[in-house]
Amino acid sequence: MSTSPYSIDLRKKVISFLKIGNSQKEAARVFEISPTTVNKWHVRYKKEGHFLPRKRIGAKVGIDKSKFIEYVLQNPNAKAADIGKIFSISASGTRYWLKVLGFGYKKKPSLTWKQISRKETNI
């Protein structure tokens, strides 16, 4: 289960609270968050000079669906990895979007992507 990062406003308040001389345990109690979280923010602030949330790995990337569909229709023989490079996503991410947008993979001498109806199945 994934959770959203704490707000920047709360992080500022906690760091300000620590700057005036309060302890991390007090900050955790006052702001009702984990002492470990307070410690991580404080250490990051001292090392990196900020307390912003880290980039979340694995978060889904939004793509321009119309450009994606247009590219796949113009390049039906493209491999998933090649399509992914064009749109800055992984090969598995490309396959996910192909499936969501209704493209099926047909095994032929030359590999081909084409849109299929949900009733049509791949063998």
N, C-alpha and C. Protein backbone atom coordinates (compact mmCIF):
# COMPACT_ATOMS: atom_id res chain seq x y z
N MET A 1 0.84 -1.17 0.00
CA MET A 1 0.00 0.00 0.00
C MET A 1 0.89 1.24 0.00
N SER A 2 0.58 2.17 -0.85
CA SER A 2 1.37 3.39 -0.99
C SER A 2 0.68 4.55 -0.29
N THR A 3 1.46 5.42 0.29
CA THR A 3 0.91 6.60 0.92
C THR A 3 1.54 7.84 0.32
N SER A 4 0.84 8.96 0.46
CA SER A 4 1.37 10.23 -0.06
C SER A 4 2.37 10.79 0.92
N PRO A 5 3.34 11.55 0.43
CA PRO A 5 4.31 12.17 1.32
C PRO A 5 3.65 13.27 2.16
N TYR A 6 4.25 13.56 3.32
CA TYR A 6 3.75 14.65 4.16
C TYR A 6 3.90 15.96 3.41
N SER A 7 3.06 16.94 3.74
CA SER A 7 3.08 18.23 3.06
C SER A 7 4.36 19.00 3.36
N ILE A 8 4.71 19.89 2.44
CA ILE A 8 5.89 20.74 2.60
C ILE A 8 5.69 21.66 3.80
N ASP A 9 4.46 22.13 4.00
CA ASP A 9 4.15 23.02 5.11
C ASP A 9 4.46 22.36 6.45
N LEU A 10 4.04 21.11 6.62
CA LEU A 10 4.32 20.39 7.86
C LEU A 10 5.82 20.21 8.05
N ARG A 11 6.51 19.88 6.99
CA ARG A 11 7.96 19.68 7.06
C ARG A 11 8.65 20.98 7.51
N LYS A 12 8.21 22.13 6.95
CA LYS A 12 8.79 23.42 7.34
C LYS A 12 8.57 23.67 8.83
N LYS A 13 7.36 23.40 9.31
CA LYS A 13 7.04 23.62 10.72
C LYS A 13 7.92 22.76 11.62
N VAL A 14 8.10 21.50 11.24
CA VAL A 14 8.92 20.59 12.06
C VAL A 14 10.37 21.07 12.09
N ILE A 15 10.93 21.42 10.94
CA ILE A 15 12.32 21.88 10.90
C ILE A 15 12.47 23.19 11.67
N SER A 16 11.52 24.11 11.55
CA SER A 16 11.56 25.36 12.32
C SER A 16 11.52 25.07 13.81
N PHE A 17 10.69 24.11 14.21
CA PHE A 17 10.56 23.71 15.61
C PHE A 17 11.90 23.18 16.13
N LEU A 18 12.59 22.41 15.29
CA LEU A 18 13.90 21.86 15.68
C LEU A 18 14.97 22.95 15.72
N LYS A 19 14.89 23.92 14.81
CA LYS A 19 15.89 24.99 14.75
C LYS A 19 15.91 25.85 16.01
N ILE A 20 14.76 26.02 16.66
CA ILE A 20 14.71 26.87 17.85
C ILE A 20 15.17 26.13 19.10
N GLY A 21 15.62 24.90 18.93
CA GLY A 21 16.23 24.18 20.04
C GLY A 21 15.44 23.05 20.65
N ASN A 22 14.30 22.72 20.09
CA ASN A 22 13.50 21.61 20.61
C ASN A 22 14.07 20.28 20.12
N SER A 23 13.76 19.22 20.85
CA SER A 23 14.28 17.90 20.49
C SER A 23 13.41 17.25 19.43
N GLN A 24 13.97 16.22 18.81
CA GLN A 24 13.23 15.48 17.80
C GLN A 24 12.05 14.73 18.43
N LYS A 25 12.23 14.24 19.65
CA LYS A 25 11.13 13.54 20.33
C LYS A 25 9.96 14.49 20.59
N GLU A 26 10.30 15.72 21.01
CA GLU A 26 9.25 16.71 21.25
C GLU A 26 8.52 17.03 19.95
N ALA A 27 9.26 17.20 18.88
CA ALA A 27 8.66 17.51 17.58
C ALA A 27 7.72 16.38 17.15
N ALA A 28 8.15 15.16 17.33
CA ALA A 28 7.31 14.01 16.97
C ALA A 28 6.02 14.01 17.77
N ARG A 29 6.12 14.32 19.06
CA ARG A 29 4.95 14.33 19.92
C ARG A 29 4.01 15.50 19.56
N VAL A 30 4.57 16.69 19.37
CA VAL A 30 3.76 17.88 19.07
C VAL A 30 3.04 17.75 17.72
N PHE A 31 3.75 17.27 16.72
CA PHE A 31 3.17 17.20 15.37
C PHE A 31 2.53 15.84 15.08
N GLU A 32 2.57 14.94 16.05
CA GLU A 32 1.94 13.62 15.95
C GLU A 32 2.41 12.83 14.73
N ILE A 33 3.74 12.76 14.58
CA ILE A 33 4.33 11.93 13.53
C ILE A 33 5.43 11.07 14.15
N SER A 34 5.90 10.12 13.42
CA SER A 34 6.90 9.18 13.92
C SER A 34 8.23 9.88 14.20
N PRO A 35 8.88 9.52 15.32
CA PRO A 35 10.21 10.08 15.60
C PRO A 35 11.22 9.75 14.49
N THR A 36 11.08 8.60 13.86
CA THR A 36 11.96 8.22 12.78
C THR A 36 11.80 9.18 11.60
N THR A 37 10.58 9.57 11.31
CA THR A 37 10.31 10.51 10.23
C THR A 37 10.96 11.86 10.52
N VAL A 38 10.80 12.34 11.74
CA VAL A 38 11.41 13.61 12.14
C VAL A 38 12.93 13.52 11.99
N ASN A 39 13.51 12.43 12.43
CA ASN A 39 14.95 12.24 12.33
C ASN A 39 15.41 12.25 10.86
N LYS A 40 14.70 11.55 10.00
CA LYS A 40 15.07 11.50 8.59
C LYS A 40 15.02 12.89 7.95
N TRP A 41 13.98 13.66 8.25
CA TRP A 41 13.86 15.01 7.72
C TRP A 41 15.00 15.89 8.22
N HIS A 42 15.33 15.76 9.51
CA HIS A 42 16.37 16.59 10.11
C HIS A 42 17.74 16.24 9.52
N VAL A 43 18.02 14.97 9.38
CA VAL A 43 19.30 14.53 8.81
C VAL A 43 19.40 15.00 7.36
N ARG A 44 18.33 14.85 6.59
CA ARG A 44 18.34 15.29 5.19
C ARG A 44 18.55 16.80 5.12
N TYR A 45 17.91 17.54 6.02
CA TYR A 45 18.06 18.99 6.03
C TYR A 45 19.51 19.38 6.33
N LYS A 46 20.13 18.68 7.28
CA LYS A 46 21.52 19.00 7.62
C LYS A 46 22.48 18.61 6.49
N LYS A 47 22.25 17.47 5.84
CA LYS A 47 23.15 16.99 4.78
C LYS A 47 22.91 17.69 3.45
N GLU A 48 21.66 17.78 3.03
CA GLU A 48 21.34 18.24 1.69
C GLU A 48 20.82 19.67 1.64
N GLY A 49 20.46 20.24 2.80
CA GLY A 49 19.97 21.61 2.84
C GLY A 49 18.50 21.77 2.50
N HIS A 50 17.78 20.65 2.39
CA HIS A 50 16.33 20.71 2.14
C HIS A 50 15.66 19.52 2.81
N PHE A 51 14.35 19.59 2.88
CA PHE A 51 13.58 18.51 3.52
C PHE A 51 12.44 18.07 2.60
N LEU A 52 12.61 18.30 1.31
CA LEU A 52 11.59 17.95 0.33
C LEU A 52 11.46 16.43 0.23
N PRO A 53 10.27 15.95 -0.14
CA PRO A 53 10.11 14.51 -0.31
C PRO A 53 10.95 14.00 -1.47
N ARG A 54 11.39 12.77 -1.38
CA ARG A 54 12.17 12.16 -2.45
C ARG A 54 11.24 11.76 -3.59
N LYS A 55 11.81 11.64 -4.77
CA LYS A 55 11.03 11.21 -5.91
C LYS A 55 10.58 9.78 -5.66
N ARG A 56 9.32 9.53 -5.90
CA ARG A 56 8.75 8.22 -5.65
C ARG A 56 9.04 7.29 -6.82
N ILE A 57 9.77 6.23 -6.56
CA ILE A 57 10.13 5.27 -7.59
C ILE A 57 8.93 4.38 -7.86
N GLY A 58 8.68 4.13 -9.11
CA GLY A 58 7.57 3.25 -9.47
C GLY A 58 6.27 3.97 -9.69
N ALA A 59 6.24 5.26 -9.49
CA ALA A 59 5.03 6.00 -9.76
C ALA A 59 4.75 5.97 -11.25
N LYS A 60 3.49 5.82 -11.62
CA LYS A 60 3.15 5.74 -13.03
C LYS A 60 3.36 7.07 -13.71
N VAL A 61 3.93 7.01 -14.87
CA VAL A 61 4.19 8.20 -15.67
C VAL A 61 3.01 8.43 -16.59
N GLY A 62 2.56 9.66 -16.66
CA GLY A 62 1.50 9.97 -17.60
C GLY A 62 2.07 10.12 -18.99
N ILE A 63 1.35 9.66 -19.97
CA ILE A 63 1.79 9.80 -21.36
C ILE A 63 0.70 10.52 -22.13
N ASP A 64 1.06 11.10 -23.26
CA ASP A 64 0.09 11.70 -24.15
C ASP A 64 -0.49 10.56 -24.97
N LYS A 65 -1.71 10.17 -24.64
CA LYS A 65 -2.30 8.98 -25.25
C LYS A 65 -2.47 9.12 -26.76
N SER A 66 -2.86 10.30 -27.21
CA SER A 66 -3.08 10.46 -28.65
C SER A 66 -1.77 10.32 -29.43
N LYS A 67 -0.69 10.88 -28.91
CA LYS A 67 0.62 10.74 -29.57
C LYS A 67 1.10 9.30 -29.52
N PHE A 68 0.83 8.62 -28.39
CA PHE A 68 1.22 7.22 -28.23
C PHE A 68 0.50 6.36 -29.28
N ILE A 69 -0.81 6.54 -29.39
CA ILE A 69 -1.59 5.77 -30.36
C ILE A 69 -1.12 6.06 -31.78
N GLU A 70 -0.90 7.34 -32.07
CA GLU A 70 -0.44 7.73 -33.41
C GLU A 70 0.89 7.07 -33.75
N TYR A 71 1.83 7.08 -32.78
CA TYR A 71 3.14 6.48 -33.02
C TYR A 71 3.02 4.98 -33.28
N VAL A 72 2.21 4.29 -32.47
CA VAL A 72 2.08 2.84 -32.62
C VAL A 72 1.42 2.50 -33.95
N LEU A 73 0.43 3.28 -34.36
CA LEU A 73 -0.22 3.02 -35.64
C LEU A 73 0.73 3.27 -36.81
N GLN A 74 1.60 4.26 -36.68
CA GLN A 74 2.57 4.54 -37.74
C GLN A 74 3.74 3.55 -37.75
N ASN A 75 4.00 2.93 -36.59
CA ASN A 75 5.12 1.99 -36.46
C ASN A 75 4.63 0.67 -35.87
N PRO A 76 3.83 -0.10 -36.62
CA PRO A 76 3.24 -1.33 -36.06
C PRO A 76 4.27 -2.42 -35.77
N ASN A 77 5.47 -2.33 -36.35
CA ASN A 77 6.48 -3.35 -36.13
C ASN A 77 7.47 -2.99 -35.03
N ALA A 78 7.25 -1.88 -34.35
CA ALA A 78 8.17 -1.43 -33.30
C ALA A 78 8.10 -2.35 -32.09
N LYS A 79 9.23 -2.56 -31.46
CA LYS A 79 9.28 -3.38 -30.24
C LYS A 79 8.87 -2.51 -29.07
N ALA A 80 8.40 -3.14 -27.99
CA ALA A 80 7.95 -2.41 -26.81
C ALA A 80 9.08 -1.56 -26.22
N ALA A 81 10.28 -2.08 -26.21
CA ALA A 81 11.42 -1.33 -25.66
C ALA A 81 11.70 -0.08 -26.49
N ASP A 82 11.57 -0.19 -27.81
CA ASP A 82 11.80 0.97 -28.68
C ASP A 82 10.73 2.03 -28.48
N ILE A 83 9.48 1.59 -28.37
CA ILE A 83 8.38 2.53 -28.12
C ILE A 83 8.59 3.21 -26.77
N GLY A 84 9.02 2.43 -25.79
CA GLY A 84 9.26 2.97 -24.45
C GLY A 84 10.32 4.05 -24.44
N LYS A 85 11.37 3.87 -25.23
CA LYS A 85 12.44 4.89 -25.30
C LYS A 85 11.90 6.20 -25.85
N ILE A 86 11.01 6.13 -26.81
CA ILE A 86 10.44 7.33 -27.41
C ILE A 86 9.62 8.11 -26.36
N PHE A 87 8.89 7.38 -25.51
CA PHE A 87 8.00 8.02 -24.53
C PHE A 87 8.58 8.03 -23.12
N SER A 88 9.84 7.68 -22.98
CA SER A 88 10.55 7.69 -21.68
C SER A 88 9.86 6.82 -20.62
N ILE A 89 9.47 5.63 -21.03
CA ILE A 89 8.90 4.65 -20.10
C ILE A 89 9.58 3.30 -20.35
N SER A 90 9.39 2.38 -19.42
CA SER A 90 10.01 1.07 -19.56
C SER A 90 9.25 0.21 -20.58
N ALA A 91 9.85 -0.89 -20.95
CA ALA A 91 9.19 -1.81 -21.88
C ALA A 91 7.92 -2.38 -21.26
N SER A 92 7.97 -2.70 -19.96
CA SER A 92 6.77 -3.22 -19.30
C SER A 92 5.70 -2.14 -19.21
N GLY A 93 6.13 -0.89 -19.00
CA GLY A 93 5.18 0.23 -19.00
C GLY A 93 4.54 0.41 -20.36
N THR A 94 5.34 0.21 -21.41
CA THR A 94 4.82 0.29 -22.78
C THR A 94 3.77 -0.78 -23.01
N ARG A 95 4.07 -2.01 -22.59
CA ARG A 95 3.11 -3.10 -22.75
C ARG A 95 1.82 -2.83 -21.98
N TYR A 96 1.95 -2.22 -20.79
CA TYR A 96 0.78 -1.86 -19.99
C TYR A 96 -0.10 -0.89 -20.79
N TRP A 97 0.50 0.18 -21.33
CA TRP A 97 -0.27 1.19 -22.06
C TRP A 97 -0.84 0.61 -23.36
N LEU A 98 -0.10 -0.28 -24.01
CA LEU A 98 -0.63 -0.92 -25.22
C LEU A 98 -1.89 -1.71 -24.89
N LYS A 99 -1.86 -2.43 -23.78
CA LYS A 99 -3.02 -3.22 -23.38
C LYS A 99 -4.18 -2.31 -23.01
N VAL A 100 -3.92 -1.26 -22.23
CA VAL A 100 -4.96 -0.33 -21.80
C VAL A 100 -5.63 0.35 -23.00
N LEU A 101 -4.83 0.68 -24.00
CA LEU A 101 -5.35 1.39 -25.17
C LEU A 101 -5.91 0.46 -26.24
N GLY A 102 -5.95 -0.84 -25.95
CA GLY A 102 -6.62 -1.78 -26.83
C GLY A 102 -5.76 -2.37 -27.93
N PHE A 103 -4.45 -2.33 -27.80
CA PHE A 103 -3.58 -2.93 -28.80
C PHE A 103 -3.29 -4.36 -28.42
N GLY A 104 -3.26 -5.23 -29.43
CA GLY A 104 -2.92 -6.64 -29.22
C GLY A 104 -1.66 -6.97 -29.98
N TYR A 105 -0.98 -7.99 -29.55
CA TYR A 105 0.29 -8.40 -30.15
C TYR A 105 0.04 -9.63 -30.99
N LYS A 106 0.30 -9.51 -32.29
CA LYS A 106 0.11 -10.64 -33.19
C LYS A 106 1.45 -11.23 -33.56
N LYS A 107 1.60 -12.53 -33.34
CA LYS A 107 2.85 -13.20 -33.69
C LYS A 107 2.80 -13.58 -35.17
N LYS A 108 3.65 -12.93 -35.91
CA LYS A 108 3.77 -13.18 -37.35
C LYS A 108 5.26 -13.18 -37.65
N PRO A 109 5.65 -13.49 -38.88
CA PRO A 109 7.07 -13.40 -39.20
C PRO A 109 7.67 -12.04 -38.82
N SER A 110 6.91 -10.95 -39.04
CA SER A 110 7.36 -9.66 -38.52
C SER A 110 6.37 -9.26 -37.42
N LEU A 111 6.87 -8.87 -36.28
CA LEU A 111 6.03 -8.56 -35.15
C LEU A 111 5.17 -7.33 -35.45
N THR A 112 3.90 -7.37 -35.06
CA THR A 112 2.98 -6.29 -35.39
C THR A 112 2.07 -5.96 -34.22
N TRP A 113 1.89 -4.66 -33.97
CA TRP A 113 0.91 -4.19 -32.99
C TRP A 113 -0.30 -3.69 -33.76
N LYS A 114 -1.49 -4.07 -33.34
CA LYS A 114 -2.69 -3.51 -33.94
C LYS A 114 -3.78 -3.47 -32.89
N GLN A 115 -4.70 -2.52 -33.06
CA GLN A 115 -5.80 -2.44 -32.11
C GLN A 115 -6.78 -3.55 -32.41
N ILE A 116 -7.23 -4.22 -31.34
CA ILE A 116 -8.17 -5.31 -31.49
C ILE A 116 -9.34 -5.08 -30.55
N SER A 117 -10.43 -5.74 -30.84
CA SER A 117 -11.58 -5.63 -29.93
C SER A 117 -11.33 -6.54 -28.74
N ARG A 118 -12.05 -6.28 -27.68
CA ARG A 118 -11.88 -7.09 -26.45
C ARG A 118 -12.30 -8.54 -26.68
N LYS A 119 -13.18 -8.78 -27.64
CA LYS A 119 -13.67 -10.13 -27.90
C LYS A 119 -12.62 -10.98 -28.59
N GLU A 120 -11.78 -10.33 -29.40
CA GLU A 120 -10.75 -11.04 -30.13
C GLU A 120 -9.63 -11.46 -29.17
N THR A 121 -9.20 -12.69 -29.25
CA THR A 121 -8.17 -13.17 -28.34
C THR A 121 -6.89 -13.49 -29.07
N ASN A 122 -5.79 -13.41 -28.37
CA ASN A 122 -4.49 -13.78 -28.94
C ASN A 122 -4.22 -15.25 -28.67
N ILE A 123 -3.67 -15.92 -29.63
CA ILE A 123 -3.35 -17.35 -29.46
C ILE A 123 -1.86 -17.50 -29.43
